[in-house]
Amino acid sequence: MSYVGPDFEPPQPRRRRGPLTVALAALVPGALLGWLVYETVGGSGGGDGASGRATVRSSSPAASSAPSDDAKEPSASPKPTATASASAPAASGPLKGKVVVIDPGHNPGNFQHASEINRKVDIGTNSKECDTTGTSTNDGYTEAKFTLDVAHRMRTLLQEQGATVKLTQDGDRPFGPCVDERARIGNQAKADAVVSIHADGSGAGNRGFHVILPGAVHAGAADTRAIVGPSRDLGERVAGRFVAVTGSAPSNYIGDGGGLVTRKDLGGLNLSTVPKVFIECGNMRDSKDAALLTSGAWRQKAAQGISEGIVSFLRG
C-alpha cells in the first residue's frame, strides 16, 4: 500500500532497534542470502526459497486462481456491516478449532466509490478516511488484485491445516470495508490471528517486505495493550517464514533491516482486540519487486510463507 492514504501516513523517525527486534536478527543473513540469490538469477519468482522447507501444503492451481478483472457493482451500495466472507467447513488438522481472519487490503471496486471511501471513521487516536484505492505496479496490476489473490491462496493452505478461515472481503461488495469495520470483523470472529495483506507503493529502488506491528495505544475506542505482545510474536513468525519461503529480504527502506515496524496510526491495528499484523509483501513501484508480485508462482510462495508463520504462532 502506498503511504498516501487513510491508514498509512509517513512513518515516524526510526528508533534504535529494541531487544525484541533482535529475535529476528538471526534471520536477516539468510534473508539477504536469498535476496542475492534471486538477484543473481534475475529476480525470478519461480525459484526455490532461500532456506527452510515448507510445512504448509500448496494448493492446486485451480484453487488459487486470480480473481476476475471485472469489479462487480450492484445497483445500490449496501450498508457496510461487520461480517466476514463465508468460509468453507474446516478440515481436520492441527489447527482444528482455530479461527484465522485474512484481511485483503483494499477492494477492487474502491476506485468507483470515492465519496464512500473518503468519509472519516474513528480509529481511536483520531479519525481517518474509510479506505483508499491502494497502489499498483507501473503496468497497472493493482494492489487490490494482489491482496485478494494471496488471500485466496492462504485460505486454501490454512483450511488444509484445519483452520476456520474468514476474509474481511472477497471482492463481493462494491467497496470497503472501512478500516474500523475490518478490525471489528476480526474482533467479532474472536480470531486467534488476523493478518492484513498489502503491497507498498514506495519509490523505485526501495525493495523488500516489512511486517507492521501494533504499538501500545490507549485512547478513545482504541486499546491495544493486551495484544501488543502476541501480535509481535505473530509478526516475528510471519516475517521469519516469509524470508525462508520466498527468499525475499526485509525492506531496505523502512524497519532498520529487521523487517519489523511498529505503528500507532493504523485503524486496523488500533481497534483490534485480537492478535493482528499487517504485511507489506514488496514494493509495487520497483520493477524488480513488481516482477515478483505479478508472478503467480511467487504469490504462492508469499501465501505459503505467511501461512506458515500463522501456523507456527497458533501451534506455539
Protein backbone atom coordinates (compact mmCIF):
# COMPACT_ATOMS: atom_id res chain seq x y z
CA MET A 1 0.00 0.00 0.00
CA SER A 2 1.18 3.49 -0.73
CA TYR A 3 1.85 5.61 2.33
CA VAL A 4 -0.56 8.18 0.91
CA GLY A 5 -3.97 7.32 2.25
CA PRO A 6 -6.19 6.82 5.28
CA ASP A 7 -4.44 4.01 7.03
CA PHE A 8 -0.89 4.85 6.02
CA GLU A 9 0.84 8.09 6.92
CA PRO A 10 4.60 8.62 6.69
CA PRO A 11 6.17 6.53 9.46
CA GLN A 12 7.73 8.16 12.48
CA PRO A 13 11.52 8.69 12.53
CA ARG A 14 13.44 5.48 13.06
CA ARG A 15 14.24 4.42 16.56
CA ARG A 16 17.11 2.33 17.78
CA ARG A 17 16.29 -1.32 17.49
CA GLY A 18 14.82 -2.68 20.71
CA PRO A 19 15.72 -6.01 22.31
CA LEU A 20 12.68 -7.79 20.87
CA THR A 21 13.67 -6.98 17.31
CA VAL A 22 16.91 -8.85 17.88
CA ALA A 23 14.84 -12.03 17.81
CA LEU A 24 14.54 -11.59 14.06
CA ALA A 25 18.13 -10.52 13.52
CA ALA A 26 19.39 -14.06 13.05
CA LEU A 27 17.04 -14.41 10.09
CA VAL A 28 18.46 -11.43 8.24
CA PRO A 29 21.69 -13.07 6.95
CA GLY A 30 19.62 -15.88 5.44
CA ALA A 31 17.21 -13.34 4.01
CA LEU A 32 20.00 -11.34 2.45
CA LEU A 33 21.48 -14.54 1.03
CA GLY A 34 18.12 -15.30 -0.56
CA TRP A 35 18.00 -11.73 -1.89
CA LEU A 36 21.41 -12.16 -3.50
CA VAL A 37 20.36 -15.49 -4.98
CA TYR A 38 17.34 -14.13 -6.81
CA GLU A 39 19.28 -11.00 -7.82
CA THR A 40 21.82 -13.34 -9.43
CA VAL A 41 19.18 -15.26 -11.36
CA GLY A 42 17.36 -12.11 -12.45
CA GLY A 43 14.68 -11.77 -9.77
CA SER A 44 12.58 -14.70 -10.96
CA GLY A 45 9.66 -15.65 -8.75
CA GLY A 46 9.86 -19.29 -9.81
CA GLY A 47 12.97 -20.47 -7.95
CA ASP A 48 13.20 -22.16 -4.58
CA GLY A 49 13.11 -20.18 -1.33
CA ALA A 50 16.35 -19.13 0.30
CA SER A 51 16.12 -21.57 3.18
CA GLY A 52 13.82 -23.92 5.05
CA ARG A 53 11.19 -26.35 3.86
CA ALA A 54 7.53 -25.55 3.59
CA THR A 55 5.31 -27.21 6.17
CA VAL A 56 2.01 -25.98 4.76
CA ARG A 57 0.86 -27.84 1.68
CA SER A 58 0.49 -25.91 -1.55
CA SER A 59 -2.93 -25.50 -3.10
CA SER A 60 -3.77 -26.61 -6.61
CA PRO A 61 -3.64 -24.03 -9.41
CA ALA A 62 -7.39 -24.15 -9.78
CA ALA A 63 -7.93 -23.40 -6.13
CA SER A 64 -5.64 -20.39 -6.18
CA SER A 65 -6.61 -18.67 -9.40
CA ALA A 66 -6.62 -14.88 -9.50
CA PRO A 67 -9.92 -13.02 -9.22
CA SER A 68 -11.68 -11.69 -12.28
CA ASP A 69 -10.61 -8.30 -13.62
CA ASP A 70 -14.20 -7.13 -13.61
CA ALA A 71 -15.29 -5.21 -10.50
CA LYS A 72 -18.98 -6.02 -9.95
CA GLU A 73 -21.16 -3.22 -8.67
CA PRO A 74 -24.80 -3.70 -7.64
CA SER A 75 -27.36 -1.03 -8.40
CA ALA A 76 -27.25 0.29 -4.83
CA SER A 77 -24.39 0.25 -2.36
CA PRO A 78 -25.30 -1.89 0.65
CA LYS A 79 -24.80 -0.52 4.12
CA PRO A 80 -21.49 -1.94 5.39
CA THR A 81 -21.80 -4.50 8.17
CA ALA A 82 -19.07 -6.16 10.19
CA THR A 83 -19.45 -9.60 8.65
CA ALA A 84 -16.73 -11.69 7.10
CA SER A 85 -16.97 -13.54 3.81
CA ALA A 86 -18.20 -17.09 4.24
CA SER A 87 -15.64 -19.79 4.88
CA ALA A 88 -15.85 -23.41 3.74
CA PRO A 89 -16.04 -26.00 6.53
CA ALA A 90 -12.62 -26.57 8.06
CA ALA A 91 -10.89 -29.88 7.51
CA SER A 92 -9.42 -31.98 10.27
CA GLY A 93 -5.88 -30.94 11.09
CA PRO A 94 -3.58 -29.39 13.68
CA LEU A 95 -5.45 -26.05 13.51
CA LYS A 96 -8.91 -27.55 14.08
CA GLY A 97 -10.85 -25.11 16.27
CA LYS A 98 -8.62 -22.13 15.39
CA VAL A 99 -10.06 -19.09 13.62
CA VAL A 100 -7.91 -17.07 11.22
CA VAL A 101 -9.12 -13.84 9.63
CA ILE A 102 -7.35 -12.72 6.45
CA ASP A 103 -7.78 -9.06 5.56
CA PRO A 104 -7.08 -8.44 1.84
CA GLY A 105 -6.10 -4.78 1.76
CA HIS A 106 -8.47 -2.55 -0.26
CA ASN A 107 -11.27 -3.60 -2.55
CA PRO A 108 -11.10 -3.78 -6.36
CA GLY A 109 -14.19 -1.54 -6.54
CA ASN A 110 -12.93 1.22 -4.23
CA PHE A 111 -11.91 3.46 -7.12
CA GLN A 112 -15.57 3.66 -8.19
CA HIS A 113 -16.69 4.88 -4.76
CA ALA A 114 -14.56 7.90 -3.94
CA SER A 115 -17.11 9.61 -1.70
CA GLU A 116 -17.76 6.49 0.35
CA ILE A 117 -14.12 5.59 0.95
CA ASN A 118 -13.17 9.20 1.70
CA ARG A 119 -15.59 9.58 4.59
CA LYS A 120 -13.92 9.76 8.01
CA VAL A 121 -14.09 6.99 10.59
CA ASP A 122 -12.88 6.92 14.18
CA ILE A 123 -9.64 4.96 14.78
CA GLY A 124 -9.35 5.73 18.49
CA THR A 125 -6.47 8.20 18.34
CA ASN A 126 -8.09 10.37 15.65
CA SER A 127 -10.19 10.00 12.51
CA LYS A 128 -9.16 8.85 9.05
CA GLU A 129 -10.73 8.11 5.71
CA CYS A 130 -12.65 4.85 5.43
CA ASP A 131 -10.16 3.31 2.97
CA THR A 132 -8.10 4.02 -0.15
CA THR A 133 -7.84 2.53 -3.61
CA GLY A 134 -4.38 1.17 -2.82
CA THR A 135 -1.42 1.32 -5.17
CA SER A 136 -0.44 -0.54 -8.35
CA THR A 137 2.55 -1.51 -10.44
CA ASN A 138 3.64 0.82 -13.23
CA ASP A 139 1.92 -1.60 -15.63
CA GLY A 140 -1.40 -1.33 -13.81
CA TYR A 141 -1.53 -4.51 -11.71
CA THR A 142 -3.40 -3.31 -8.65
CA GLU A 143 -2.69 -3.91 -5.00
CA ALA A 144 -6.33 -4.92 -4.54
CA LYS A 145 -5.96 -7.77 -7.06
CA PHE A 146 -2.68 -8.83 -5.48
CA THR A 147 -4.04 -8.94 -1.93
CA LEU A 148 -7.16 -10.86 -2.90
CA ASP A 149 -5.17 -13.44 -4.85
CA VAL A 150 -2.76 -14.02 -1.95
CA ALA A 151 -5.70 -14.21 0.47
CA HIS A 152 -7.35 -16.93 -1.62
CA ARG A 153 -4.14 -18.95 -1.68
CA MET A 154 -3.71 -18.55 2.08
CA ARG A 155 -7.30 -19.59 2.72
CA THR A 156 -6.74 -22.88 0.89
CA LEU A 157 -3.48 -23.59 2.71
CA LEU A 158 -4.85 -22.82 6.17
CA GLN A 159 -8.07 -24.74 5.64
CA GLU A 160 -5.96 -27.77 4.75
CA GLN A 161 -4.48 -27.42 8.24
CA GLY A 162 -7.96 -27.47 9.78
CA ALA A 163 -8.38 -23.75 10.49
CA THR A 164 -11.64 -21.89 10.06
CA VAL A 165 -10.71 -19.04 7.70
CA LYS A 166 -12.69 -15.85 7.13
CA LEU A 167 -11.95 -12.97 4.77
CA THR A 168 -12.88 -9.38 5.57
CA GLN A 169 -13.88 -9.01 1.92
CA ASP A 170 -13.80 -11.30 -1.09
CA GLY A 171 -14.45 -8.84 -3.91
CA ASP A 172 -18.10 -9.46 -3.07
CA ARG A 173 -19.07 -5.93 -2.09
CA PRO A 174 -18.86 -2.68 -4.06
CA PHE A 175 -16.31 -1.01 -1.78
CA GLY A 176 -14.60 -1.34 1.60
CA PRO A 177 -14.94 -2.43 4.29
CA CYS A 178 -13.66 0.63 6.10
CA VAL A 179 -10.62 0.25 8.32
CA ASP A 180 -12.70 0.28 11.52
CA GLU A 181 -15.01 -2.41 10.19
CA ARG A 182 -12.04 -4.53 9.16
CA ALA A 183 -10.94 -4.52 12.79
CA ARG A 184 -14.44 -5.33 14.03
CA ILE A 185 -14.66 -8.36 11.75
CA GLY A 186 -11.62 -9.93 13.38
CA ASN A 187 -12.83 -8.98 16.85
CA GLN A 188 -16.32 -10.37 16.35
CA ALA A 189 -14.92 -13.60 14.91
CA LYS A 190 -12.82 -13.94 18.08
CA ALA A 191 -9.96 -14.67 15.73
CA ASP A 192 -6.87 -16.39 17.05
CA ALA A 193 -4.84 -14.46 14.47
CA VAL A 194 -5.51 -11.76 11.87
CA VAL A 195 -3.15 -10.81 9.05
CA SER A 196 -3.79 -7.86 6.73
CA ILE A 197 -2.21 -8.32 3.29
CA HIS A 198 -0.74 -5.32 1.44
CA ALA A 199 1.91 -4.25 -1.06
CA ASP A 200 3.67 -0.92 -0.80
CA GLY A 201 3.86 2.00 -3.25
CA SER A 202 7.25 3.47 -2.41
CA GLY A 203 9.95 4.82 -4.76
CA ALA A 204 11.93 2.80 -7.29
CA GLY A 205 14.95 1.15 -5.72
CA ASN A 206 13.11 0.58 -2.44
CA ARG A 207 12.71 -3.18 -2.14
CA GLY A 208 11.70 -5.91 0.24
CA PHE A 209 8.92 -6.70 2.69
CA HIS A 210 8.08 -5.46 6.15
CA VAL A 211 5.63 -6.55 8.83
CA ILE A 212 3.76 -3.84 10.75
CA LEU A 213 3.06 -4.45 14.44
CA PRO A 214 0.60 -2.56 16.67
CA GLY A 215 2.09 -0.13 19.15
CA ALA A 216 0.64 0.30 22.62
CA VAL A 217 -2.34 2.61 22.18
CA HIS A 218 -4.91 3.51 24.82
CA ALA A 219 -7.10 6.34 23.56
CA GLY A 220 -10.77 6.67 22.72
CA ALA A 221 -12.06 3.40 21.32
CA ALA A 222 -8.54 2.01 20.94
CA ASP A 223 -6.78 -0.16 23.50
CA THR A 224 -4.08 -2.41 22.05
CA ARG A 225 -2.19 -3.05 25.29
CA ALA A 226 -3.32 -6.66 25.58
CA ILE A 227 -2.42 -7.58 22.00
CA VAL A 228 0.98 -5.89 21.61
CA GLY A 229 2.92 -8.91 22.89
CA PRO A 230 1.11 -11.69 20.98
CA SER A 231 0.98 -9.54 17.84
CA ARG A 232 4.76 -9.15 17.96
CA ASP A 233 5.12 -12.91 18.30
CA LEU A 234 2.83 -13.39 15.31
CA GLY A 235 4.71 -10.77 13.31
CA GLU A 236 8.13 -12.22 14.02
CA ARG A 237 6.99 -15.69 12.97
CA VAL A 238 5.35 -14.38 9.79
CA ALA A 239 8.47 -12.40 8.90
CA GLY A 240 10.75 -15.36 9.56
CA ARG A 241 8.78 -17.79 7.41
CA PHE A 242 8.29 -15.19 4.68
CA VAL A 243 12.08 -14.86 4.43
CA ALA A 244 12.58 -18.61 4.37
CA VAL A 245 9.95 -19.47 1.79
CA THR A 246 10.16 -16.52 -0.63
CA GLY A 247 13.87 -15.69 -0.30
CA SER A 248 12.87 -12.04 -0.13
CA ALA A 249 14.87 -9.74 2.12
CA PRO A 250 13.47 -7.37 4.72
CA SER A 251 12.82 -3.85 3.46
CA ASN A 252 15.87 -1.77 2.60
CA TYR A 253 13.99 1.49 3.23
CA ILE A 254 12.00 1.02 6.42
CA GLY A 255 12.38 -1.12 9.53
CA ASP A 256 16.12 -0.89 10.26
CA GLY A 257 16.79 -4.04 8.23
CA GLY A 258 14.86 -6.34 10.56
CA GLY A 259 11.58 -6.39 8.63
CA LEU A 260 9.53 -5.23 11.64
CA VAL A 261 7.90 -1.82 12.05
CA THR A 262 5.71 -0.65 14.94
CA ARG A 263 2.91 1.82 14.16
CA LYS A 264 0.27 3.63 16.21
CA ASP A 265 -1.57 5.38 13.37
CA LEU A 266 -3.36 2.46 11.71
CA GLY A 267 -7.04 2.00 12.46
CA GLY A 268 -6.96 -1.66 11.51
CA LEU A 269 -4.44 -2.27 14.30
CA ASN A 270 -5.55 0.34 16.83
CA LEU A 271 -9.09 -1.04 17.02
CA SER A 272 -8.15 -4.71 17.09
CA THR A 273 -8.69 -6.70 20.27
CA VAL A 274 -7.11 -9.88 18.85
CA PRO A 275 -3.51 -10.53 17.68
CA LYS A 276 -3.08 -8.78 14.34
CA VAL A 277 -0.32 -7.63 11.98
CA PHE A 278 -0.02 -6.11 8.53
CA ILE A 279 2.47 -7.33 5.94
CA GLU A 280 3.70 -5.23 3.03
CA CYS A 281 4.88 -8.02 0.72
CA GLY A 282 7.00 -5.82 -1.53
CA ASN A 283 7.11 -2.51 -3.37
CA MET A 284 4.87 -2.41 -6.44
CA ARG A 285 6.67 0.68 -7.78
CA ASP A 286 10.04 -1.01 -8.02
CA SER A 287 10.43 -3.01 -11.26
CA LYS A 288 12.23 -5.94 -9.62
CA ASP A 289 9.74 -6.26 -6.78
CA ALA A 290 6.89 -5.80 -9.25
CA ALA A 291 8.18 -8.76 -11.27
CA LEU A 292 7.78 -10.89 -8.17
CA LEU A 293 4.42 -9.53 -7.09
CA THR A 294 2.94 -10.15 -10.55
CA SER A 295 4.22 -13.75 -10.65
CA GLY A 296 1.66 -16.38 -9.68
CA ALA A 297 4.46 -18.72 -8.58
CA TRP A 298 5.88 -16.08 -6.26
CA ARG A 299 2.45 -15.18 -4.88
CA GLN A 300 2.03 -18.85 -3.96
CA LYS A 301 5.31 -18.65 -2.05
CA ALA A 302 4.19 -15.46 -0.34
CA ALA A 303 0.93 -17.13 0.70
CA GLN A 304 2.85 -20.15 1.92
CA GLY A 305 5.34 -18.11 3.93
CA ILE A 306 2.65 -16.03 5.63
CA SER A 307 0.54 -19.12 6.31
CA GLU A 308 3.48 -20.98 7.83
CA GLY A 309 4.08 -18.04 10.15
CA ILE A 310 0.45 -18.16 11.26
CA VAL A 311 0.63 -21.93 11.81
CA SER A 312 3.80 -21.53 13.87
CA PHE A 313 2.13 -18.84 16.00
CA LEU A 314 -1.05 -20.83 16.57
CA ARG A 315 0.79 -24.03 17.46
CA GLY A 316 3.17 -22.19 19.79
